[in-house]
Amino acid sequence: MLGVEAVRGEASQHAEKERILSRSPLARLTSPSRQALLEIGRIERLARRQTLVQQGAPTRHLVLLGAGRVKVERAADGRVFPLGHRGPGDLVGEGALAGAAIAAESATVLDEGDALVMPLAGLDRLLVADPAIRDALAAALVARQLETEARLGSLLLCTVEVRLVDFLRAAARRWGQPHAAGELVSAPFTHADIALLIGSTRETVTLLLGKLKRAGLISFDRRRIVIRDAEHLATRAASA
């Protein structure tokens, strides 16, 4: 029989898995599909600079992020292209679900956190046997594709200020925490980080953040951004 501490440990692990799954695109799965995923997954603590996926190497796991921040990028012709930052509720390594045996991008942990890690060998068996899991993951892949297309459209059609505001709103959804002045983006994005992600320069991002601060829409707390007026920030993007 399991001892009391072992039972408590199992209960704690199960609760952590549920927390992460509930924030992911697979949140609507019900038993027994949900339980099957939880059984093959394990909780992993993510350390800064840890490599989750290496471009050019086989992908062996699907990762559901519970906390922290992961940078996804692709190298080509000696240059590195940022594909985005993933956070709580996001998938990492999902390209393997579409049949890519070799990773087309790298994923590196920027801010420590945790994740539910599922081996592709076990996940592949579930995909064959369970239509609900198959449909949920297919929907997640479509959502990622639409997000990528929207980002490309924004880079081509929107002003830098609109792209910055869209970035801030998305960052608040992923990393937002209550703050006395509004909502704190807990992930410590530098101006250079933001510039890479929205296709601009650090100097321009600094100027625009200052403009938004003077307008009373954002402020700063220990180098982190605070969204002071989300409603007017959205209105500004729509009218720009």
Protein backbone atom coordinates (compact mmCIF):
# COMPACT_ATOMS: atom_id res chain seq x y z
CA MET A 1 0.00 0.00 0.00
CA LEU A 2 1.08 3.56 -0.63
CA GLY A 3 2.05 5.57 2.42
CA VAL A 4 0.30 8.81 3.34
CA GLU A 5 3.16 10.95 1.95
CA ALA A 6 3.16 9.04 -1.32
CA VAL A 7 -0.58 9.53 -1.70
CA ARG A 8 -0.20 13.24 -0.98
CA GLY A 9 2.62 13.45 -3.51
CA GLU A 10 0.51 11.80 -6.18
CA ALA A 11 -2.42 14.09 -5.40
CA SER A 12 -0.15 17.15 -5.65
CA GLN A 13 1.25 15.98 -8.99
CA HIS A 14 -2.24 15.36 -10.32
CA ALA A 15 -3.36 18.83 -9.23
CA GLU A 16 -0.37 20.43 -10.99
CA LYS A 17 -1.10 18.50 -14.17
CA GLU A 18 -4.74 19.57 -14.03
CA ARG A 19 -3.73 23.21 -13.53
CA ILE A 20 -1.56 23.18 -16.63
CA LEU A 21 -3.98 21.22 -18.79
CA SER A 22 -6.82 23.56 -17.80
CA ARG A 23 -4.95 26.54 -19.27
CA SER A 24 -4.06 24.81 -22.52
CA PRO A 25 -5.94 24.31 -25.81
CA LEU A 26 -6.84 20.86 -24.48
CA ALA A 27 -8.76 22.24 -21.50
CA ARG A 28 -12.18 21.11 -22.77
CA LEU A 29 -11.26 17.45 -22.93
CA THR A 30 -13.31 15.28 -20.60
CA SER A 31 -12.65 11.85 -19.10
CA PRO A 32 -11.47 9.35 -20.15
CA SER A 33 -9.53 11.40 -22.76
CA ARG A 34 -8.40 13.90 -20.16
CA GLN A 35 -7.23 11.21 -17.78
CA ALA A 36 -5.32 9.44 -20.53
CA LEU A 37 -3.30 12.59 -21.27
CA LEU A 38 -2.59 13.21 -17.60
CA GLU A 39 -1.35 9.66 -17.18
CA ILE A 40 1.27 9.88 -19.94
CA GLY A 41 2.42 13.38 -18.97
CA ARG A 42 4.91 14.38 -16.32
CA ILE A 43 5.55 17.67 -14.57
CA GLU A 44 8.90 19.21 -15.40
CA ARG A 45 10.48 22.32 -13.86
CA LEU A 46 11.93 24.55 -16.55
CA ALA A 47 15.27 26.24 -15.93
CA ARG A 48 16.49 29.39 -17.67
CA ARG A 49 18.37 28.68 -20.91
CA GLN A 50 17.04 25.11 -21.01
CA THR A 51 16.51 23.89 -24.57
CA LEU A 52 13.09 22.31 -25.07
CA VAL A 53 13.34 21.87 -28.83
CA GLN A 54 16.45 22.04 -31.01
CA GLN A 55 16.11 22.97 -34.68
CA GLY A 56 17.27 20.09 -36.86
CA ALA A 57 16.89 17.48 -34.12
CA PRO A 58 14.04 14.99 -33.63
CA THR A 59 11.15 16.27 -31.53
CA ARG A 60 10.39 13.78 -28.77
CA HIS A 61 7.85 15.60 -26.58
CA LEU A 62 4.86 17.87 -26.72
CA VAL A 63 5.13 20.52 -24.01
CA LEU A 64 2.20 22.35 -22.39
CA LEU A 65 3.51 25.40 -20.57
CA GLY A 66 2.12 26.08 -17.12
CA ALA A 67 4.34 29.00 -16.12
CA GLY A 68 7.39 30.83 -17.44
CA ARG A 69 8.37 32.06 -20.89
CA VAL A 70 9.90 30.28 -23.88
CA LYS A 71 11.52 31.87 -26.92
CA VAL A 72 10.83 30.19 -30.27
CA GLU A 73 13.09 31.05 -33.20
CA ARG A 74 14.31 29.69 -36.52
CA ALA A 75 17.77 29.95 -38.06
CA ALA A 76 18.32 30.17 -41.83
CA ASP A 77 21.26 31.32 -43.94
CA GLY A 78 23.18 32.42 -40.88
CA ARG A 79 20.34 34.57 -39.54
CA VAL A 80 17.94 33.97 -36.66
CA PHE A 81 14.25 34.85 -37.02
CA PRO A 82 12.10 35.24 -33.89
CA LEU A 83 8.83 33.33 -34.16
CA GLY A 84 7.44 34.48 -30.84
CA HIS A 85 7.44 33.95 -27.11
CA ARG A 86 5.26 31.23 -25.61
CA GLY A 87 3.81 31.38 -22.13
CA PRO A 88 1.23 29.78 -19.82
CA GLY A 89 -1.33 27.79 -21.78
CA ASP A 90 0.82 27.52 -24.92
CA LEU A 91 2.11 24.45 -26.73
CA VAL A 92 5.76 23.89 -27.65
CA GLY A 93 6.86 21.24 -30.15
CA GLU A 94 3.46 21.00 -31.83
CA GLY A 95 5.04 20.76 -35.29
CA ALA A 96 5.64 17.07 -34.65
CA LEU A 97 1.87 16.54 -34.49
CA ALA A 98 1.67 17.59 -38.14
CA GLY A 99 4.16 14.90 -39.12
CA ALA A 100 7.44 16.83 -38.86
CA ALA A 101 9.97 14.30 -37.60
CA ILE A 102 12.68 16.98 -37.35
CA ALA A 103 12.11 20.27 -35.54
CA ALA A 104 11.96 23.32 -37.81
CA GLU A 105 12.67 25.74 -34.96
CA SER A 106 14.33 25.95 -31.58
CA ALA A 107 12.62 26.65 -28.25
CA THR A 108 14.62 27.98 -25.29
CA VAL A 109 13.42 28.82 -21.79
CA LEU A 110 13.80 32.52 -20.96
CA ASP A 111 12.03 32.65 -17.60
CA GLU A 112 11.91 29.60 -15.36
CA GLY A 113 8.56 27.90 -14.95
CA ASP A 114 6.94 24.51 -15.27
CA ALA A 115 5.27 22.39 -17.91
CA LEU A 116 3.33 19.21 -18.56
CA VAL A 117 5.60 17.16 -20.83
CA MET A 118 4.11 14.34 -22.90
CA PRO A 119 6.28 11.88 -24.87
CA LEU A 120 5.29 11.73 -28.53
CA ALA A 121 5.46 7.93 -28.50
CA GLY A 122 2.63 7.75 -25.98
CA LEU A 123 0.77 10.66 -27.51
CA ASP A 124 0.81 9.06 -30.95
CA ARG A 125 -0.95 6.00 -29.54
CA LEU A 126 -3.63 8.20 -27.99
CA LEU A 127 -4.14 10.07 -31.25
CA VAL A 128 -4.88 6.80 -33.03
CA ALA A 129 -7.20 5.51 -30.32
CA ASP A 130 -9.00 8.67 -29.15
CA PRO A 131 -10.87 10.94 -31.62
CA ALA A 132 -11.47 13.60 -28.94
CA ILE A 133 -7.75 14.08 -28.33
CA ARG A 134 -7.10 14.02 -32.08
CA ASP A 135 -9.71 16.71 -32.72
CA ALA A 136 -8.49 18.91 -29.84
CA LEU A 137 -4.90 18.84 -31.04
CA ALA A 138 -5.95 19.46 -34.65
CA ALA A 139 -7.87 22.52 -33.48
CA ALA A 140 -4.78 23.71 -31.58
CA LEU A 141 -2.67 23.41 -34.74
CA VAL A 142 -5.22 25.41 -36.73
CA ALA A 143 -5.30 28.09 -34.02
CA ARG A 144 -1.51 28.35 -34.14
CA GLN A 145 -1.62 28.70 -37.93
CA LEU A 146 -4.22 31.46 -37.71
CA GLU A 147 -2.13 33.24 -35.07
CA THR A 148 0.91 33.09 -37.33
CA GLU A 149 -1.07 34.44 -40.29
CA ALA A 150 -2.45 37.27 -38.14
CA ARG A 151 1.07 38.21 -37.02
CA LEU A 152 2.28 38.23 -40.61
CA GLY A 153 -0.67 40.40 -41.63
CA SER A 154 0.09 42.79 -38.78
CA LEU A 155 3.73 43.10 -39.85
CA LEU A 156 2.67 43.90 -43.41
CA LEU A 157 -0.35 46.13 -42.84
CA CYS A 158 -0.22 47.77 -39.41
CA THR A 159 1.79 50.68 -38.06
CA VAL A 160 4.48 50.05 -35.48
CA GLU A 161 2.31 51.61 -32.76
CA VAL A 162 -0.58 49.26 -33.54
CA ARG A 163 1.79 46.28 -33.50
CA LEU A 164 3.18 47.43 -30.15
CA VAL A 165 -0.28 47.81 -28.63
CA ASP A 166 -1.33 44.39 -29.95
CA PHE A 167 1.82 42.92 -28.42
CA LEU A 168 1.09 44.54 -25.04
CA ARG A 169 -2.47 43.26 -24.99
CA ALA A 170 -1.37 39.72 -25.92
CA ALA A 171 1.40 39.82 -23.29
CA ALA A 172 -1.14 40.85 -20.64
CA ARG A 173 -3.37 37.91 -21.57
CA ARG A 174 -0.47 35.46 -21.22
CA TRP A 175 1.54 36.89 -18.34
CA GLY A 176 -0.88 39.34 -16.73
CA GLN A 177 -1.08 39.62 -12.94
CA PRO A 178 -3.19 41.97 -10.80
CA HIS A 179 -1.38 45.17 -9.86
CA ALA A 180 -2.35 48.22 -7.83
CA ALA A 181 -2.16 50.35 -10.98
CA GLY A 182 -3.84 47.88 -13.32
CA GLU A 183 -2.39 44.66 -14.77
CA LEU A 184 1.28 43.78 -14.59
CA VAL A 185 2.98 41.95 -17.48
CA SER A 186 5.09 39.71 -15.25
CA ALA A 187 7.44 38.58 -18.05
CA PRO A 188 10.45 40.95 -18.12
CA PHE A 189 10.48 41.96 -21.79
CA THR A 190 13.28 44.31 -22.76
CA HIS A 191 12.73 46.99 -25.38
CA ALA A 192 15.03 44.99 -27.67
CA ASP A 193 12.88 41.86 -27.15
CA ILE A 194 9.74 43.76 -28.10
CA ALA A 195 11.40 45.33 -31.14
CA LEU A 196 12.37 41.92 -32.51
CA LEU A 197 8.90 40.52 -31.97
CA ILE A 198 7.03 43.40 -33.65
CA GLY A 199 9.52 44.07 -36.44
CA SER A 200 10.81 47.44 -35.28
CA THR A 201 13.85 48.98 -33.58
CA ARG A 202 14.66 49.35 -29.91
CA GLU A 203 14.73 53.14 -30.25
CA THR A 204 11.28 53.27 -31.82
CA VAL A 205 9.83 50.94 -29.17
CA THR A 206 11.31 53.12 -26.41
CA LEU A 207 9.77 56.26 -27.94
CA LEU A 208 6.34 54.65 -28.37
CA LEU A 209 6.29 53.19 -24.86
CA GLY A 210 7.08 56.65 -23.56
CA LYS A 211 4.20 58.03 -25.60
CA LEU A 212 1.79 55.45 -24.15
CA LYS A 213 3.07 56.20 -20.66
CA ARG A 214 2.46 59.94 -21.07
CA ALA A 215 -1.05 59.13 -22.26
CA GLY A 216 -1.67 57.28 -18.98
CA LEU A 217 -2.20 53.91 -20.69
CA ILE A 218 0.83 52.13 -19.27
CA SER A 219 3.42 52.56 -16.53
CA PHE A 220 6.47 50.65 -15.34
CA ASP A 221 7.27 48.71 -12.17
CA ARG A 222 10.83 47.40 -11.81
CA ARG A 223 11.31 47.31 -15.59
CA ARG A 224 8.05 45.46 -16.11
CA ILE A 225 5.13 46.96 -17.98
CA VAL A 226 1.86 47.72 -16.23
CA ILE A 227 -1.29 48.08 -18.35
CA ARG A 228 -3.13 50.92 -16.64
CA ASP A 229 -6.06 51.30 -19.04
CA ALA A 230 -6.69 48.20 -21.16
CA GLU A 231 -9.92 49.53 -22.63
CA HIS A 232 -8.42 52.73 -23.97
CA LEU A 233 -5.34 50.85 -25.13
CA ALA A 234 -7.59 48.65 -27.29
CA THR A 235 -9.45 51.70 -28.59
CA ARG A 236 -6.14 53.32 -29.52
CA ALA A 237 -5.14 50.30 -31.59
CA ALA A 238 -8.49 50.19 -33.36
CA SER A 239 -8.41 53.87 -34.28
CA ALA A 240 -4.73 54.12 -35.26
